[in-house]
Amino acid sequence: MKPELQLSLQFADRTHRALLPRHRVARWMRAALEAPAQIAVRIVGEAEGRTLNREWRGKDYATNVLSFPAEIP
């Protein structure tokens, strides 16, 4: 039985939407899960990636992946 997955897929730049259909991303996430999970994925351009990396990690360059732990009560 596949684990339950709640997926929020956000596109900052709508031009990438066709490249990453929600059903494909959900399949990849589900394959990586061993337990039910809630995941948010945001696809951003270079400028937003750089801003987020600078704000959260203090690194002034674009990066391809940022991840944040969730604190669920």
Protein backbone atom coordinates (compact mmCIF):
# COMPACT_ATOMS: atom_id res chain seq x y z
CA MET A 1 0.00 0.00 0.00
CA LYS A 2 1.38 3.44 -0.94
CA PRO A 3 1.82 5.97 1.88
CA GLU A 4 -0.51 8.97 1.93
CA LEU A 5 1.00 12.08 0.36
CA GLN A 6 -0.21 15.68 0.53
CA LEU A 7 1.79 17.61 -2.07
CA SER A 8 1.84 21.37 -2.61
CA LEU A 9 3.60 22.11 -5.91
CA GLN A 10 4.23 25.83 -6.43
CA PHE A 11 5.69 27.53 -9.49
CA ALA A 12 7.18 31.01 -9.07
CA ASP A 13 7.71 31.09 -12.85
CA ARG A 14 4.82 29.50 -14.77
CA THR A 15 7.06 28.66 -17.74
CA HIS A 16 8.32 25.60 -15.80
CA ARG A 17 4.84 24.19 -15.16
CA ALA A 18 4.77 22.11 -18.35
CA LEU A 19 8.20 20.62 -17.57
CA LEU A 20 7.16 19.32 -14.14
CA PRO A 21 3.56 18.12 -14.12
CA ARG A 22 2.14 17.61 -10.62
CA HIS A 23 1.43 13.90 -11.15
CA ARG A 24 5.08 13.24 -12.08
CA VAL A 25 6.46 15.11 -9.05
CA ALA A 26 3.97 13.31 -6.79
CA ARG A 27 5.16 9.96 -8.18
CA TRP A 28 8.80 10.86 -7.42
CA MET A 29 7.94 12.00 -3.88
CA ARG A 30 5.82 8.93 -3.16
CA ALA A 31 8.64 6.67 -4.32
CA ALA A 32 10.95 8.29 -1.75
CA LEU A 33 8.51 7.96 1.15
CA GLU A 34 8.35 5.20 3.71
CA ALA A 35 5.59 6.85 5.74
CA PRO A 36 2.77 9.33 5.16
CA ALA A 37 4.04 12.86 4.58
CA GLN A 38 3.16 16.40 3.64
CA ILE A 39 5.55 18.03 1.15
CA ALA A 40 5.67 21.48 -0.45
CA VAL A 41 7.79 21.95 -3.58
CA ARG A 42 8.39 25.44 -5.00
CA ILE A 43 10.06 25.84 -8.39
CA VAL A 44 11.82 29.21 -8.65
CA GLY A 45 14.05 31.07 -11.04
CA GLU A 46 17.69 31.97 -10.42
CA ALA A 47 16.94 35.36 -8.82
CA GLU A 48 14.52 33.96 -6.23
CA GLY A 49 16.81 30.98 -5.58
CA ARG A 50 19.68 33.37 -4.86
CA THR A 51 17.52 35.53 -2.58
CA LEU A 52 16.29 32.52 -0.60
CA ASN A 53 19.81 31.09 -0.28
CA ARG A 54 21.12 34.46 0.93
CA GLU A 55 18.28 34.94 3.44
CA TRP A 56 18.26 31.42 4.89
CA ARG A 57 21.86 30.24 4.53
CA GLY A 58 23.89 33.45 4.24
CA LYS A 59 25.24 32.30 0.84
CA ASP A 60 25.03 34.91 -1.94
CA TYR A 61 24.55 32.62 -4.95
CA ALA A 62 21.74 30.65 -6.56
CA THR A 63 21.38 27.03 -5.52
CA ASN A 64 19.40 24.18 -6.99
CA VAL A 65 17.85 22.82 -3.76
CA LEU A 66 16.88 24.30 -0.41
CA SER A 67 15.09 22.16 2.17
CA PHE A 68 13.57 23.10 5.50
CA PRO A 69 12.47 20.82 8.36
CA ALA A 70 8.86 21.06 9.47
CA GLU A 71 7.84 21.27 13.10
CA ILE A 72 4.44 19.63 13.35
CA PRO A 73 2.72 19.73 16.74
